[in-house]
Amino acid sequence: MKSAAIRMVCRFLMVSMVLLPFQTIHAGMIGTDQVAAAASAQAERASVLNMVNRSDVASQLQTLGLDPKIARDRVAAMTDEEIRSLAGKLDSLPAGAGSGWAWAAAIIIVIIIWYNWK
């Protein structure tokens, strides 16, 4: 009885090995540019998420009617190319959220008006 069961299991295993497909695995070298692109994409995604997580940005998103959690989910769903574009735009924005020349021009105009009036 044991030998009949063992023979049946062996036959089943032989048939399954012949009929079931095997997946082939291909190993290859990864280029440095691929590794660098993946690392930069992760760093850019982290910088965009850090920007969304800031308290002032989160409060501005809430005033615009967007929940910060939804914004984080949307950033997570972006492709690497979209993240790269958005991170580039965020990096090119001026610090301080305003242009200093406008205030300087306003002060100069006020001084000129005050000087001419007096």
N, C-alpha and C. Protein backbone atom coordinates (compact mmCIF):
# COMPACT_ATOMS: atom_id res chain seq x y z
N MET A 1 0.83 -1.18 0.00
CA MET A 1 0.00 0.00 0.00
C MET A 1 0.87 1.25 0.00
N LYS A 2 1.93 1.22 0.81
CA LYS A 2 2.81 2.38 0.86
C LYS A 2 3.49 2.61 -0.47
N SER A 3 3.94 1.57 -1.07
CA SER A 3 4.66 1.72 -2.33
C SER A 3 3.73 2.19 -3.45
N ALA A 4 2.48 1.81 -3.41
CA ALA A 4 1.51 2.26 -4.42
C ALA A 4 1.24 3.75 -4.26
N ALA A 5 1.11 4.20 -3.03
CA ALA A 5 0.88 5.62 -2.77
C ALA A 5 2.11 6.45 -3.15
N ILE A 6 3.29 5.94 -2.84
CA ILE A 6 4.52 6.64 -3.18
C ILE A 6 4.68 6.72 -4.69
N ARG A 7 4.37 5.62 -5.39
CA ARG A 7 4.46 5.63 -6.85
C ARG A 7 3.48 6.62 -7.46
N MET A 8 2.29 6.71 -6.89
CA MET A 8 1.29 7.64 -7.40
C MET A 8 1.72 9.10 -7.19
N VAL A 9 2.28 9.39 -6.02
CA VAL A 9 2.77 10.75 -5.73
C VAL A 9 3.93 11.09 -6.66
N CYS A 10 4.84 10.13 -6.87
CA CYS A 10 5.99 10.36 -7.77
C CYS A 10 5.51 10.62 -9.19
N ARG A 11 4.54 9.85 -9.66
CA ARG A 11 4.02 10.07 -11.00
C ARG A 11 3.35 11.44 -11.12
N PHE A 12 2.60 11.82 -10.08
CA PHE A 12 1.96 13.14 -10.08
C PHE A 12 3.01 14.24 -10.14
N LEU A 13 4.07 14.11 -9.37
CA LEU A 13 5.13 15.12 -9.38
C LEU A 13 5.83 15.18 -10.72
N MET A 14 6.08 14.05 -11.36
CA MET A 14 6.74 14.03 -12.67
C MET A 14 5.85 14.70 -13.72
N VAL A 15 4.57 14.38 -13.71
CA VAL A 15 3.65 14.98 -14.67
C VAL A 15 3.53 16.48 -14.44
N SER A 16 3.45 16.89 -13.19
CA SER A 16 3.32 18.32 -12.91
C SER A 16 4.58 19.09 -13.29
N MET A 17 5.77 18.47 -13.12
CA MET A 17 7.00 19.13 -13.51
C MET A 17 7.09 19.29 -15.03
N VAL A 18 6.56 18.36 -15.76
CA VAL A 18 6.61 18.42 -17.22
C VAL A 18 5.57 19.41 -17.75
N LEU A 19 4.38 19.40 -17.19
CA LEU A 19 3.29 20.20 -17.74
C LEU A 19 3.23 21.63 -17.21
N LEU A 20 3.62 21.86 -15.99
CA LEU A 20 3.54 23.20 -15.43
C LEU A 20 4.72 24.04 -15.91
N PRO A 21 4.44 25.27 -16.33
CA PRO A 21 5.55 26.09 -16.84
C PRO A 21 6.42 26.62 -15.69
N PHE A 22 7.68 26.73 -16.02
CA PHE A 22 8.62 27.32 -15.08
C PHE A 22 8.86 28.76 -15.51
N GLN A 23 8.96 29.64 -14.55
CA GLN A 23 9.27 31.03 -14.86
C GLN A 23 10.78 31.18 -14.92
N THR A 24 11.21 31.86 -15.95
CA THR A 24 12.64 32.09 -16.06
C THR A 24 12.99 33.41 -15.39
N ILE A 25 14.11 33.43 -14.77
CA ILE A 25 14.58 34.63 -14.08
C ILE A 25 15.83 35.11 -14.80
N HIS A 26 15.82 36.37 -15.15
CA HIS A 26 16.96 36.95 -15.82
C HIS A 26 17.64 37.92 -14.87
N ALA A 27 18.86 37.68 -14.58
CA ALA A 27 19.64 38.59 -13.75
C ALA A 27 20.56 39.39 -14.65
N GLY A 28 20.65 40.65 -14.39
CA GLY A 28 21.50 41.50 -15.19
C GLY A 28 22.09 42.62 -14.36
N MET A 29 23.00 43.29 -14.94
CA MET A 29 23.64 44.41 -14.26
C MET A 29 22.72 45.64 -14.34
N ILE A 30 22.70 46.39 -13.30
CA ILE A 30 21.93 47.63 -13.25
C ILE A 30 22.92 48.77 -13.44
N GLY A 31 22.59 49.65 -14.33
CA GLY A 31 23.47 50.78 -14.60
C GLY A 31 23.43 51.80 -13.48
N THR A 32 24.47 52.57 -13.39
CA THR A 32 24.56 53.61 -12.36
C THR A 32 23.49 54.66 -12.57
N ASP A 33 23.18 54.97 -13.83
CA ASP A 33 22.17 55.98 -14.10
C ASP A 33 20.79 55.55 -13.62
N GLN A 34 20.50 54.25 -13.69
CA GLN A 34 19.21 53.76 -13.19
C GLN A 34 19.13 53.87 -11.67
N VAL A 35 20.22 53.56 -11.00
CA VAL A 35 20.24 53.67 -9.54
C VAL A 35 20.14 55.13 -9.12
N ALA A 36 20.88 55.99 -9.82
CA ALA A 36 20.85 57.42 -9.48
C ALA A 36 19.47 58.01 -9.75
N ALA A 37 18.82 57.60 -10.84
CA ALA A 37 17.49 58.10 -11.14
C ALA A 37 16.49 57.68 -10.08
N ALA A 38 16.59 56.43 -9.62
CA ALA A 38 15.68 55.96 -8.58
C ALA A 38 15.93 56.70 -7.27
N ALA A 39 17.19 56.94 -6.94
CA ALA A 39 17.50 57.64 -5.69
C ALA A 39 17.06 59.10 -5.76
N SER A 40 17.26 59.75 -6.90
CA SER A 40 16.84 61.15 -7.01
C SER A 40 15.32 61.26 -7.01
N ALA A 41 14.64 60.29 -7.60
CA ALA A 41 13.17 60.31 -7.58
C ALA A 41 12.64 60.18 -6.16
N GLN A 42 13.27 59.32 -5.37
CA GLN A 42 12.85 59.18 -3.97
C GLN A 42 13.15 60.44 -3.19
N ALA A 43 14.29 61.08 -3.44
CA ALA A 43 14.64 62.31 -2.73
C ALA A 43 13.68 63.44 -3.11
N GLU A 44 13.34 63.54 -4.40
CA GLU A 44 12.40 64.57 -4.84
C GLU A 44 11.01 64.33 -4.27
N ARG A 45 10.59 63.07 -4.21
CA ARG A 45 9.28 62.76 -3.63
C ARG A 45 9.27 63.13 -2.14
N ALA A 46 10.37 62.86 -1.45
CA ALA A 46 10.46 63.20 -0.03
C ALA A 46 10.42 64.72 0.16
N SER A 47 11.07 65.47 -0.72
CA SER A 47 11.05 66.93 -0.57
C SER A 47 9.66 67.50 -0.82
N VAL A 48 8.94 66.94 -1.79
CA VAL A 48 7.56 67.40 -2.05
C VAL A 48 6.67 67.04 -0.87
N LEU A 49 6.83 65.82 -0.33
CA LEU A 49 6.02 65.43 0.83
C LEU A 49 6.35 66.29 2.04
N ASN A 50 7.62 66.65 2.22
CA ASN A 50 7.99 67.54 3.33
C ASN A 50 7.34 68.90 3.16
N MET A 51 7.26 69.37 1.93
CA MET A 51 6.61 70.65 1.67
C MET A 51 5.13 70.58 2.01
N VAL A 52 4.48 69.49 1.64
CA VAL A 52 3.05 69.34 1.92
C VAL A 52 2.81 69.18 3.41
N ASN A 53 3.75 68.58 4.14
CA ASN A 53 3.59 68.34 5.57
C ASN A 53 3.85 69.58 6.42
N ARG A 54 4.42 70.63 5.83
CA ARG A 54 4.66 71.85 6.62
C ARG A 54 3.34 72.42 7.11
N SER A 55 3.37 73.01 8.29
CA SER A 55 2.12 73.50 8.89
C SER A 55 1.51 74.66 8.11
N ASP A 56 2.34 75.57 7.60
CA ASP A 56 1.78 76.69 6.85
C ASP A 56 1.17 76.24 5.52
N VAL A 57 1.80 75.27 4.88
CA VAL A 57 1.25 74.75 3.63
C VAL A 57 -0.04 73.97 3.91
N ALA A 58 -0.04 73.19 4.99
CA ALA A 58 -1.23 72.42 5.35
C ALA A 58 -2.40 73.35 5.66
N SER A 59 -2.15 74.45 6.38
CA SER A 59 -3.24 75.38 6.68
C SER A 59 -3.73 76.08 5.42
N GLN A 60 -2.80 76.40 4.50
CA GLN A 60 -3.22 77.01 3.24
C GLN A 60 -4.04 76.02 2.40
N LEU A 61 -3.66 74.76 2.41
CA LEU A 61 -4.44 73.75 1.69
C LEU A 61 -5.84 73.63 2.27
N GLN A 62 -5.94 73.69 3.61
CA GLN A 62 -7.25 73.60 4.24
C GLN A 62 -8.12 74.80 3.90
N THR A 63 -7.51 75.99 3.84
CA THR A 63 -8.31 77.16 3.47
C THR A 63 -8.76 77.08 2.01
N LEU A 64 -8.01 76.38 1.17
CA LEU A 64 -8.41 76.19 -0.21
C LEU A 64 -9.39 75.04 -0.38
N GLY A 65 -9.65 74.31 0.70
CA GLY A 65 -10.64 73.24 0.66
C GLY A 65 -10.07 71.86 0.37
N LEU A 66 -8.77 71.69 0.56
CA LEU A 66 -8.15 70.39 0.30
C LEU A 66 -7.55 69.86 1.59
N ASP A 67 -7.94 68.66 1.95
CA ASP A 67 -7.41 68.03 3.15
C ASP A 67 -5.94 67.66 2.92
N PRO A 68 -5.04 67.97 3.86
CA PRO A 68 -3.62 67.65 3.67
C PRO A 68 -3.36 66.16 3.46
N LYS A 69 -4.18 65.30 4.07
CA LYS A 69 -4.01 63.86 3.86
C LYS A 69 -4.28 63.48 2.41
N ILE A 70 -5.29 64.09 1.82
CA ILE A 70 -5.60 63.84 0.41
C ILE A 70 -4.46 64.34 -0.46
N ALA A 71 -3.88 65.48 -0.08
CA ALA A 71 -2.74 66.01 -0.84
C ALA A 71 -1.55 65.06 -0.77
N ARG A 72 -1.30 64.49 0.42
CA ARG A 72 -0.20 63.53 0.54
C ARG A 72 -0.47 62.28 -0.29
N ASP A 73 -1.74 61.83 -0.30
CA ASP A 73 -2.09 60.67 -1.12
C ASP A 73 -1.91 60.96 -2.61
N ARG A 74 -2.24 62.17 -3.02
CA ARG A 74 -2.07 62.54 -4.42
C ARG A 74 -0.59 62.60 -4.79
N VAL A 75 0.24 63.11 -3.88
CA VAL A 75 1.68 63.14 -4.15
C VAL A 75 2.22 61.72 -4.25
N ALA A 76 1.73 60.83 -3.40
CA ALA A 76 2.19 59.44 -3.44
C ALA A 76 1.77 58.76 -4.73
N ALA A 77 0.67 59.20 -5.34
CA ALA A 77 0.18 58.57 -6.57
C ALA A 77 0.83 59.15 -7.82
N MET A 78 1.61 60.21 -7.69
CA MET A 78 2.24 60.84 -8.86
C MET A 78 3.35 59.96 -9.43
N THR A 79 3.56 60.10 -10.72
CA THR A 79 4.66 59.39 -11.36
C THR A 79 5.97 60.12 -11.06
N ASP A 80 7.08 59.45 -11.35
CA ASP A 80 8.38 60.06 -11.10
C ASP A 80 8.58 61.32 -11.93
N GLU A 81 8.08 61.33 -13.14
CA GLU A 81 8.22 62.51 -14.00
C GLU A 81 7.42 63.69 -13.45
N GLU A 82 6.22 63.43 -12.95
CA GLU A 82 5.41 64.50 -12.35
C GLU A 82 6.08 65.04 -11.09
N ILE A 83 6.63 64.14 -10.29
CA ILE A 83 7.33 64.57 -9.07
C ILE A 83 8.54 65.42 -9.43
N ARG A 84 9.29 64.99 -10.45
CA ARG A 84 10.48 65.74 -10.87
C ARG A 84 10.10 67.15 -11.32
N SER A 85 9.00 67.26 -12.06
CA SER A 85 8.53 68.56 -12.54
C SER A 85 8.09 69.44 -11.37
N LEU A 86 7.31 68.87 -10.46
CA LEU A 86 6.82 69.63 -9.31
C LEU A 86 7.95 70.05 -8.40
N ALA A 87 8.91 69.16 -8.15
CA ALA A 87 10.04 69.49 -7.29
C ALA A 87 10.89 70.60 -7.94
N GLY A 88 11.03 70.57 -9.25
CA GLY A 88 11.76 71.63 -9.93
C GLY A 88 11.07 72.97 -9.80
N LYS A 89 9.74 72.96 -9.88
CA LYS A 89 8.99 74.21 -9.71
C LYS A 89 9.09 74.71 -8.28
N LEU A 90 9.03 73.80 -7.31
CA LEU A 90 9.14 74.22 -5.91
C LEU A 90 10.52 74.76 -5.59
N ASP A 91 11.56 74.17 -6.21
CA ASP A 91 12.92 74.65 -5.97
C ASP A 91 13.17 76.02 -6.60
N SER A 92 12.43 76.35 -7.66
CA SER A 92 12.65 77.63 -8.32
C SER A 92 11.86 78.77 -7.70
N LEU A 93 10.95 78.47 -6.78
CA LEU A 93 10.18 79.53 -6.13
C LEU A 93 11.07 80.36 -5.22
N PRO A 94 10.79 81.65 -5.11
CA PRO A 94 11.62 82.48 -4.23
C PRO A 94 11.33 82.19 -2.76
N ALA A 95 12.35 82.30 -1.95
CA ALA A 95 12.18 82.09 -0.52
C ALA A 95 11.49 83.31 0.07
N GLY A 96 10.64 83.11 1.03
CA GLY A 96 9.96 84.23 1.68
C GLY A 96 8.62 84.54 1.07
N ALA A 97 8.28 83.91 -0.01
CA ALA A 97 6.97 83.98 -0.66
C ALA A 97 6.61 85.36 -1.16
N GLY A 98 7.53 86.26 -1.26
CA GLY A 98 7.23 87.58 -1.78
C GLY A 98 8.46 88.18 -2.41
N SER A 99 8.23 89.18 -3.25
CA SER A 99 9.38 89.81 -3.89
C SER A 99 9.78 91.04 -3.10
N GLY A 100 11.04 91.12 -2.75
CA GLY A 100 11.55 92.22 -1.95
C GLY A 100 11.62 93.52 -2.71
N TRP A 101 11.74 93.48 -4.04
CA TRP A 101 11.87 94.71 -4.81
C TRP A 101 10.58 95.52 -4.79
N ALA A 102 9.44 94.85 -4.65
CA ALA A 102 8.17 95.58 -4.61
C ALA A 102 8.08 96.43 -3.34
N TRP A 103 8.51 95.87 -2.22
CA TRP A 103 8.51 96.65 -0.97
C TRP A 103 9.52 97.78 -1.04
N ALA A 104 10.69 97.50 -1.62
CA ALA A 104 11.71 98.55 -1.74
C ALA A 104 11.22 99.67 -2.65
N ALA A 105 10.55 99.33 -3.75
CA ALA A 105 10.01 100.34 -4.66
C ALA A 105 8.93 101.16 -3.97
N ALA A 106 8.07 100.50 -3.20
CA ALA A 106 7.02 101.22 -2.48
C ALA A 106 7.61 102.19 -1.46
N ILE A 107 8.65 101.77 -0.76
CA ILE A 107 9.28 102.64 0.23
C ILE A 107 9.95 103.83 -0.46
N ILE A 108 10.59 103.59 -1.58
CA ILE A 108 11.24 104.69 -2.31
C ILE A 108 10.20 105.68 -2.83
N ILE A 109 9.08 105.17 -3.34
CA ILE A 109 8.01 106.06 -3.83
C ILE A 109 7.44 106.88 -2.69
N VAL A 110 7.23 106.29 -1.54
CA VAL A 110 6.71 107.01 -0.37
C VAL A 110 7.70 108.09 0.06
N ILE A 111 9.00 107.79 0.05
CA ILE A 111 10.01 108.78 0.44
C ILE A 111 10.03 109.94 -0.55
N ILE A 112 9.92 109.64 -1.85
CA ILE A 112 9.92 110.70 -2.86
C ILE A 112 8.68 111.58 -2.71
N ILE A 113 7.52 110.97 -2.50
CA ILE A 113 6.29 111.75 -2.32
C ILE A 113 6.39 112.60 -1.06
N TRP A 114 6.87 112.03 0.01
CA TRP A 114 7.00 112.78 1.27
C TRP A 114 7.99 113.93 1.10
N TYR A 115 9.11 113.71 0.41
CA TYR A 115 10.12 114.75 0.20
C TYR A 115 9.55 115.88 -0.65
N ASN A 116 8.82 115.57 -1.72
CA ASN A 116 8.24 116.59 -2.59
C ASN A 116 7.08 117.32 -1.92
N TRP A 117 6.37 116.67 -1.05
CA TRP A 117 5.24 117.29 -0.38
C TRP A 117 5.71 118.28 0.68
N LYS A 118 6.79 117.95 1.37
CA LYS A 118 7.30 118.82 2.41
C LYS A 118 8.10 119.88 1.75
